[in-house]
Amino acid sequence: MKTPARLFSRFPGGVKVPSLLALAVILLAAWLIVESPLFHPTAPPGLHLTDLHSVGEFQHLFNQDVGTPRLVLILSPT
C-alpha cells in the first residue's frame, strides 16, 4: 500500500513540518544564547561573599578594612 507523501507533510491543524523544525531551531538557539556564560557576568577576581557566623567575626573583618568602602548585607530567613 502506497501512502501519499503529502499525508506526512502536515500535522493536525495545518502546521507544516518545516515550520516546526524552524521553530525548534530558533528556540534552541535562543536557549543556548541566554544560557551562555557571556550573559552571566561574574565578580572581578578577589571579591567574594563571606558567610559570617558570629558578631565577633563580623567586627574583626569590619575593622580589618578601615578606609575602604564596605557593603553589609543582612538576610533574615523569616
PDB file of N, CA and C in Angstrom:
ATOM      1  N   MET A   1       0.840  -1.158   0.000  1.00  0.00           N
ATOM      2  CA  MET A   1       0.000   0.000   0.000  1.00  0.00           C
ATOM      3  C   MET A   1       0.899   1.238   0.000  1.00  0.00           C
ATOM      4  N   LYS A   2       0.651   2.131  -0.897  1.00  0.00           N
ATOM      5  CA  LYS A   2       1.460   3.327  -1.042  1.00  0.00           C
ATOM      6  C   LYS A   2       0.772   4.495  -0.343  1.00  0.00           C
ATOM      7  N   THR A   3       1.512   5.167   0.527  1.00  0.00           N
ATOM      8  CA  THR A   3       0.960   6.302   1.259  1.00  0.00           C
ATOM      9  C   THR A   3       1.441   7.583   0.591  1.00  0.00           C
ATOM     10  N   PRO A   4       0.551   8.490   0.320  1.00  0.00           N
ATOM     11  CA  PRO A   4       0.995   9.744  -0.306  1.00  0.00           C
ATOM     12  C   PRO A   4       1.913  10.533   0.632  1.00  0.00           C
ATOM     13  N   ALA A   5       2.959  11.132   0.050  1.00  0.00           N
ATOM     14  CA  ALA A   5       3.921  11.912   0.838  1.00  0.00           C
ATOM     15  C   ALA A   5       3.250  13.124   1.464  1.00  0.00           C
ATOM     16  N   ARG A   6       2.216  13.584   0.854  1.00  0.00           N
ATOM     17  CA  ARG A   6       1.503  14.759   1.347  1.00  0.00           C
ATOM     18  C   ARG A   6       0.855  14.499   2.710  1.00  0.00           C
ATOM     19  N   LEU A   7       0.552  13.251   2.999  1.00  0.00           N
ATOM     20  CA  LEU A   7      -0.099  12.906   4.252  1.00  0.00           C
ATOM     21  C   LEU A   7       0.777  13.285   5.451  1.00  0.00           C
ATOM     22  N   PHE A   8       2.112  13.118   5.314  1.00  0.00           N
ATOM     23  CA  PHE A   8       3.023  13.383   6.423  1.00  0.00           C
ATOM     24  C   PHE A   8       3.634  14.788   6.380  1.00  0.00           C
ATOM     25  N   SER A   9       3.248  15.608   5.426  1.00  0.00           N
ATOM     26  CA  SER A   9       3.832  16.942   5.335  1.00  0.00           C
ATOM     27  C   SER A   9       3.142  17.947   6.252  1.00  0.00           C
ATOM     28  N   ARG A  10       2.020  17.554   6.858  1.00  0.00           N
ATOM     29  CA  ARG A  10       1.294  18.460   7.754  1.00  0.00           C
ATOM     30  C   ARG A  10       0.869  17.717   9.015  1.00  0.00           C
ATOM     31  N   PHE A  11       0.880  18.434  10.098  1.00  0.00           N
ATOM     32  CA  PHE A  11       0.337  17.917  11.344  1.00  0.00           C
ATOM     33  C   PHE A  11      -1.093  18.404  11.469  1.00  0.00           C
ATOM     34  N   PRO A  12      -1.840  17.868  12.423  1.00  0.00           N
ATOM     35  CA  PRO A  12      -3.206  18.360  12.613  1.00  0.00           C
ATOM     36  C   PRO A  12      -3.206  19.866  12.872  1.00  0.00           C
ATOM     37  N   GLY A  13      -4.145  20.542  12.301  1.00  0.00           N
ATOM     38  CA  GLY A  13      -4.234  21.990  12.443  1.00  0.00           C
ATOM     39  C   GLY A  13      -3.542  22.723  11.314  1.00  0.00           C
ATOM     40  N   GLY A  14      -2.979  22.014  10.367  1.00  0.00           N
ATOM     41  CA  GLY A  14      -2.366  22.650   9.208  1.00  0.00           C
ATOM     42  C   GLY A  14      -0.945  23.141   9.423  1.00  0.00           C
ATOM     43  N   VAL A  15      -0.255  22.681  10.470  1.00  0.00           N
ATOM     44  CA  VAL A  15       1.123  23.112  10.728  1.00  0.00           C
ATOM     45  C   VAL A  15       2.061  22.227   9.919  1.00  0.00           C
ATOM     46  N   LYS A  16       2.937  22.845   9.153  1.00  0.00           N
ATOM     47  CA  LYS A  16       3.865  22.083   8.320  1.00  0.00           C
ATOM     48  C   LYS A  16       5.098  21.674   9.126  1.00  0.00           C
ATOM     49  N   VAL A  17       5.673  20.549   8.747  1.00  0.00           N
ATOM     50  CA  VAL A  17       6.860  20.024   9.419  1.00  0.00           C
ATOM     51  C   VAL A  17       8.030  21.009   9.340  1.00  0.00           C
ATOM     52  N   PRO A  18       8.329  21.613   8.187  1.00  0.00           N
ATOM     53  CA  PRO A  18       9.441  22.570   8.150  1.00  0.00           C
ATOM     54  C   PRO A  18       9.239  23.756   9.100  1.00  0.00           C
ATOM     55  N   SER A  19       8.003  24.175   9.289  1.00  0.00           N
ATOM     56  CA  SER A  19       7.729  25.273  10.224  1.00  0.00           C
ATOM     57  C   SER A  19       8.062  24.855  11.647  1.00  0.00           C
ATOM     58  N   LEU A  20       7.715  23.639  12.006  1.00  0.00           N
ATOM     59  CA  LEU A  20       8.029  23.150  13.350  1.00  0.00           C
ATOM     60  C   LEU A  20       9.531  22.997  13.551  1.00  0.00           C
ATOM     61  N   LEU A  21      10.228  22.526  12.521  1.00  0.00           N
ATOM     62  CA  LEU A  21      11.680  22.396  12.630  1.00  0.00           C
ATOM     63  C   LEU A  21      12.346  23.763  12.770  1.00  0.00           C
ATOM     64  N   ALA A  22      11.882  24.745  12.016  1.00  0.00           N
ATOM     65  CA  ALA A  22      12.435  26.097  12.123  1.00  0.00           C
ATOM     66  C   ALA A  22      12.182  26.667  13.515  1.00  0.00           C
ATOM     67  N   LEU A  23      10.991  26.464  14.042  1.00  0.00           N
ATOM     68  CA  LEU A  23      10.671  26.937  15.386  1.00  0.00           C
ATOM     69  C   LEU A  23      11.561  26.259  16.426  1.00  0.00           C
ATOM     70  N   ALA A  24      11.776  24.958  16.271  1.00  0.00           N
ATOM     71  CA  ALA A  24      12.628  24.225  17.211  1.00  0.00           C
ATOM     72  C   ALA A  24      14.066  24.747  17.169  1.00  0.00           C
ATOM     73  N   VAL A  25      14.576  25.036  15.985  1.00  0.00           N
ATOM     74  CA  VAL A  25      15.941  25.555  15.848  1.00  0.00           C
ATOM     75  C   VAL A  25      16.048  26.941  16.475  1.00  0.00           C
ATOM     76  N   ILE A  26      15.047  27.797  16.254  1.00  0.00           N
ATOM     77  CA  ILE A  26      15.052  29.144  16.833  1.00  0.00           C
ATOM     78  C   ILE A  26      15.010  29.077  18.354  1.00  0.00           C
ATOM     79  N   LEU A  27      14.160  28.213  18.901  1.00  0.00           N
ATOM     80  CA  LEU A  27      14.064  28.078  20.357  1.00  0.00           C
ATOM     81  C   LEU A  27      15.359  27.528  20.954  1.00  0.00           C
ATOM     82  N   LEU A  28      15.972  26.571  20.282  1.00  0.00           N
ATOM     83  CA  LEU A  28      17.240  26.016  20.755  1.00  0.00           C
ATOM     84  C   LEU A  28      18.335  27.078  20.737  1.00  0.00           C
ATOM     85  N   ALA A  29      18.410  27.849  19.655  1.00  0.00           N
ATOM     86  CA  ALA A  29      19.418  28.909  19.565  1.00  0.00           C
ATOM     87  C   ALA A  29      19.198  29.963  20.646  1.00  0.00           C
ATOM     88  N   ALA A  30      17.949  30.349  20.881  1.00  0.00           N
ATOM     89  CA  ALA A  30      17.650  31.345  21.917  1.00  0.00           C
ATOM     90  C   ALA A  30      18.045  30.822  23.289  1.00  0.00           C
ATOM     91  N   TRP A  31      17.749  29.567  23.566  1.00  0.00           N
ATOM     92  CA  TRP A  31      18.103  28.975  24.859  1.00  0.00           C
ATOM     93  C   TRP A  31      19.619  28.935  25.042  1.00  0.00           C
ATOM     94  N   LEU A  32      20.352  28.551  24.000  1.00  0.00           N
ATOM     95  CA  LEU A  32      21.810  28.493  24.099  1.00  0.00           C
ATOM     96  C   LEU A  32      22.411  29.880  24.299  1.00  0.00           C
ATOM     97  N   ILE A  33      21.834  30.893  23.665  1.00  0.00           N
ATOM     98  CA  ILE A  33      22.336  32.259  23.821  1.00  0.00           C
ATOM     99  C   ILE A  33      22.089  32.760  25.238  1.00  0.00           C
ATOM    100  N   VAL A  34      20.890  32.530  25.758  1.00  0.00           N
ATOM    101  CA  VAL A  34      20.547  33.015  27.098  1.00  0.00           C
ATOM    102  C   VAL A  34      21.370  32.303  28.166  1.00  0.00           C
ATOM    103  N   GLU A  35      21.617  31.034  28.007  1.00  0.00           N
ATOM    104  CA  GLU A  35      22.377  30.267  28.993  1.00  0.00           C
ATOM    105  C   GLU A  35      23.886  30.396  28.808  1.00  0.00           C
ATOM    106  N   SER A  36      24.320  31.164  27.833  1.00  0.00           N
ATOM    107  CA  SER A  36      25.739  31.355  27.564  1.00  0.00           C
ATOM    108  C   SER A  36      26.411  32.061  28.736  1.00  0.00           C
ATOM    109  N   PRO A  37      27.657  31.729  29.037  1.00  0.00           N
ATOM    110  CA  PRO A  37      28.374  32.424  30.113  1.00  0.00           C
ATOM    111  C   PRO A  37      28.580  33.908  29.819  1.00  0.00           C
ATOM    112  N   LEU A  38      28.432  34.316  28.576  1.00  0.00           N
ATOM    113  CA  LEU A  38      28.606  35.725  28.227  1.00  0.00           C
ATOM    114  C   LEU A  38      27.545  36.606  28.865  1.00  0.00           C
ATOM    115  N   PHE A  39      26.388  36.035  29.181  1.00  0.00           N
ATOM    116  CA  PHE A  39      25.291  36.802  29.742  1.00  0.00           C
ATOM    117  C   PHE A  39      25.198  36.671  31.257  1.00  0.00           C
ATOM    118  N   HIS A  40      26.156  36.017  31.872  1.00  0.00           N
ATOM    119  CA  HIS A  40      26.189  35.859  33.320  1.00  0.00           C
ATOM    120  C   HIS A  40      27.487  36.465  33.834  1.00  0.00           C
ATOM    121  N   PRO A  41      27.497  37.789  34.056  1.00  0.00           N
ATOM    122  CA  PRO A  41      28.747  38.411  34.498  1.00  0.00           C
ATOM    123  C   PRO A  41      29.162  37.904  35.874  1.00  0.00           C
ATOM    124  N   THR A  42      30.443  37.778  36.036  1.00  0.00           N
ATOM    125  CA  THR A  42      30.979  37.328  37.319  1.00  0.00           C
ATOM    126  C   THR A  42      31.693  38.490  37.998  1.00  0.00           C
ATOM    127  N   ALA A  43      31.907  38.350  39.263  1.00  0.00           N
ATOM    128  CA  ALA A  43      32.603  39.381  40.032  1.00  0.00           C
ATOM    129  C   ALA A  43      34.072  39.407  39.632  1.00  0.00           C
ATOM    130  N   PRO A  44      34.707  40.550  39.760  1.00  0.00           N
ATOM    131  CA  PRO A  44      36.145  40.622  39.475  1.00  0.00           C
ATOM    132  C   PRO A  44      36.920  39.694  40.409  1.00  0.00           C
ATOM    133  N   PRO A  45      38.089  39.234  39.991  1.00  0.00           N
ATOM    134  CA  PRO A  45      38.882  38.348  40.847  1.00  0.00           C
ATOM    135  C   PRO A  45      39.219  39.027  42.172  1.00  0.00           C
ATOM    136  N   GLY A  46      39.162  38.269  43.224  1.00  0.00           N
ATOM    137  CA  GLY A  46      39.499  38.793  44.537  1.00  0.00           C
ATOM    138  C   GLY A  46      38.299  39.202  45.364  1.00  0.00           C
ATOM    139  N   LEU A  47      37.139  39.359  44.762  1.00  0.00           N
ATOM    140  CA  LEU A  47      35.939  39.716  45.514  1.00  0.00           C
ATOM    141  C   LEU A  47      35.149  38.457  45.828  1.00  0.00           C
ATOM    142  N   HIS A  48      34.692  38.356  47.063  1.00  0.00           N
ATOM    143  CA  HIS A  48      33.891  37.198  47.433  1.00  0.00           C
ATOM    144  C   HIS A  48      32.916  37.582  48.539  1.00  0.00           C
ATOM    145  N   LEU A  49      31.897  36.800  48.678  1.00  0.00           N
ATOM    146  CA  LEU A  49      30.887  36.997  49.711  1.00  0.00           C
ATOM    147  C   LEU A  49      31.259  36.114  50.896  1.00  0.00           C
ATOM    148  N   THR A  50      31.295  36.705  52.070  1.00  0.00           N
ATOM    149  CA  THR A  50      31.711  35.978  53.266  1.00  0.00           C
ATOM    150  C   THR A  50      30.501  35.648  54.121  1.00  0.00           C
ATOM    151  N   ASP A  51      30.402  34.402  54.522  1.00  0.00           N
ATOM    152  CA  ASP A  51      29.325  33.960  55.404  1.00  0.00           C
ATOM    153  C   ASP A  51      29.836  34.055  56.843  1.00  0.00           C
ATOM    154  N   LEU A  52      29.254  34.959  57.617  1.00  0.00           N
ATOM    155  CA  LEU A  52      29.693  35.173  58.996  1.00  0.00           C
ATOM    156  C   LEU A  52      28.807  34.396  59.961  1.00  0.00           C
ATOM    157  N   HIS A  53      29.426  33.890  61.028  1.00  0.00           N
ATOM    158  CA  HIS A  53      28.683  33.078  61.990  1.00  0.00           C
ATOM    159  C   HIS A  53      28.582  33.715  63.370  1.00  0.00           C
ATOM    160  N   SER A  54      29.317  34.815  63.587  1.00  0.00           N
ATOM    161  CA  SER A  54      29.244  35.469  64.897  1.00  0.00           C
ATOM    162  C   SER A  54      29.496  36.964  64.742  1.00  0.00           C
ATOM    163  N   VAL A  55      29.090  37.719  65.754  1.00  0.00           N
ATOM    164  CA  VAL A  55      29.302  39.166  65.758  1.00  0.00           C
ATOM    165  C   VAL A  55      30.794  39.473  65.857  1.00  0.00           C
ATOM    166  N   GLY A  56      31.518  38.696  66.637  1.00  0.00           N
ATOM    167  CA  GLY A  56      32.957  38.900  66.781  1.00  0.00           C
ATOM    168  C   GLY A  56      33.689  38.746  65.453  1.00  0.00           C
ATOM    169  N   GLU A  57      33.295  37.760  64.684  1.00  0.00           N
ATOM    170  CA  GLU A  57      33.896  37.548  63.369  1.00  0.00           C
ATOM    171  C   GLU A  57      33.598  38.740  62.457  1.00  0.00           C
ATOM    172  N   PHE A  58      32.374  39.254  62.543  1.00  0.00           N
ATOM    173  CA  PHE A  58      31.993  40.434  61.761  1.00  0.00           C
ATOM    174  C   PHE A  58      32.831  41.649  62.164  1.00  0.00           C
ATOM    175  N   GLN A  59      32.980  41.879  63.467  1.00  0.00           N
ATOM    176  CA  GLN A  59      33.758  43.028  63.946  1.00  0.00           C
ATOM    177  C   GLN A  59      35.216  42.941  63.495  1.00  0.00           C
ATOM    178  N   HIS A  60      35.781  41.763  63.568  1.00  0.00           N
ATOM    179  CA  HIS A  60      37.176  41.578  63.162  1.00  0.00           C
ATOM    180  C   HIS A  60      37.355  41.912  61.678  1.00  0.00           C
ATOM    181  N   LEU A  61      36.498  41.370  60.831  1.00  0.00           N
ATOM    182  CA  LEU A  61      36.614  41.630  59.398  1.00  0.00           C
ATOM    183  C   LEU A  61      36.298  43.082  59.056  1.00  0.00           C
ATOM    184  N   PHE A  62      35.334  43.673  59.759  1.00  0.00           N
ATOM    185  CA  PHE A  62      34.957  45.061  59.503  1.00  0.00           C
ATOM    186  C   PHE A  62      36.104  46.002  59.864  1.00  0.00           C
ATOM    187  N   ASN A  63      36.727  45.790  61.009  1.00  0.00           N
ATOM    188  CA  ASN A  63      37.826  46.653  61.451  1.00  0.00           C
ATOM    189  C   ASN A  63      39.099  46.440  60.636  1.00  0.00           C
ATOM    190  N   GLN A  64      39.214  45.312  59.987  1.00  0.00           N
ATOM    191  CA  GLN A  64      40.385  44.990  59.184  1.00  0.00           C
ATOM    192  C   GLN A  64      40.468  45.878  57.935  1.00  0.00           C
ATOM    193  N   ASP A  65      39.342  46.333  57.423  1.00  0.00           N
ATOM    194  CA  ASP A  65      39.291  47.088  56.171  1.00  0.00           C
ATOM    195  C   ASP A  65      39.015  48.567  56.395  1.00  0.00           C
ATOM    196  N   VAL A  66      39.670  49.185  57.343  1.00  0.00           N
ATOM    197  CA  VAL A  66      39.469  50.611  57.621  1.00  0.00           C
ATOM    198  C   VAL A  66      39.903  51.418  56.397  1.00  0.00           C
ATOM    199  N   GLY A  67      39.047  52.358  55.988  1.00  0.00           N
ATOM    200  CA  GLY A  67      39.375  53.228  54.859  1.00  0.00           C
ATOM    201  C   GLY A  67      38.871  52.748  53.516  1.00  0.00           C
ATOM    202  N   THR A  68      38.303  51.569  53.452  1.00  0.00           N
ATOM    203  CA  THR A  68      37.747  51.079  52.185  1.00  0.00           C
ATOM    204  C   THR A  68      36.232  50.990  52.306  1.00  0.00           C
ATOM    205  N   PRO A  69      35.528  51.234  51.202  1.00  0.00           N
ATOM    206  CA  PRO A  69      34.070  51.114  51.265  1.00  0.00           C
ATOM    207  C   PRO A  69      33.661  49.660  51.480  1.00  0.00           C
ATOM    208  N   ARG A  70      32.624  49.465  52.272  1.00  0.00           N
ATOM    209  CA  ARG A  70      32.154  48.115  52.583  1.00  0.00           C
ATOM    210  C   ARG A  70      30.651  48.029  52.388  1.00  0.00           C
ATOM    211  N   LEU A  71      30.206  46.871  52.011  1.00  0.00           N
ATOM    212  CA  LEU A  71      28.781  46.611  51.855  1.00  0.00           C
ATOM    213  C   LEU A  71      28.400  45.527  52.853  1.00  0.00           C
ATOM    214  N   VAL A  72      27.418  45.826  53.685  1.00  0.00           N
ATOM    215  CA  VAL A  72      26.941  44.856  54.667  1.00  0.00           C
ATOM    216  C   VAL A  72      25.559  44.415  54.219  1.00  0.00           C
ATOM    217  N   LEU A  73      25.406  43.137  53.974  1.00  0.00           N
ATOM    218  CA  LEU A  73      24.147  42.559  53.524  1.00  0.00           C
ATOM    219  C   LEU A  73      23.634  41.642  54.621  1.00  0.00           C
ATOM    220  N   ILE A  74      22.465  41.957  55.147  1.00  0.00           N
ATOM    221  CA  ILE A  74      21.884  41.157  56.223  1.00  0.00           C
ATOM    222  C   ILE A  74      20.608  40.511  55.694  1.00  0.00           C
ATOM    223  N   LEU A  75      20.555  39.198  55.745  1.00  0.00           N
ATOM    224  CA  LEU A  75      19.383  38.452  55.290  1.00  0.00           C
ATOM    225  C   LEU A  75      18.769  37.719  56.466  1.00  0.00           C
ATOM    226  N   SER A  76      17.466  37.769  56.542  1.00  0.00           N
ATOM    227  CA  SER A  76      16.755  37.060  57.595  1.00  0.00           C
ATOM    228  C   SER A  76      15.930  35.944  56.965  1.00  0.00           C
ATOM    229  N   PRO A  77      15.998  34.742  57.497  1.00  0.00           N
ATOM    230  CA  PRO A  77      15.244  33.633  56.906  1.00  0.00           C
ATOM    231  C   PRO A  77      13.742  33.714  57.154  1.00  0.00           C
ATOM    232  N   THR A  78      13.293  34.673  57.946  1.00  0.00           N
ATOM    233  CA  THR A  78      11.856  34.766  58.226  1.00  0.00           C
ATOM    234  C   THR A  78      11.219  35.903  57.476  1.00  0.00           C
TER     235      THR A  78
END
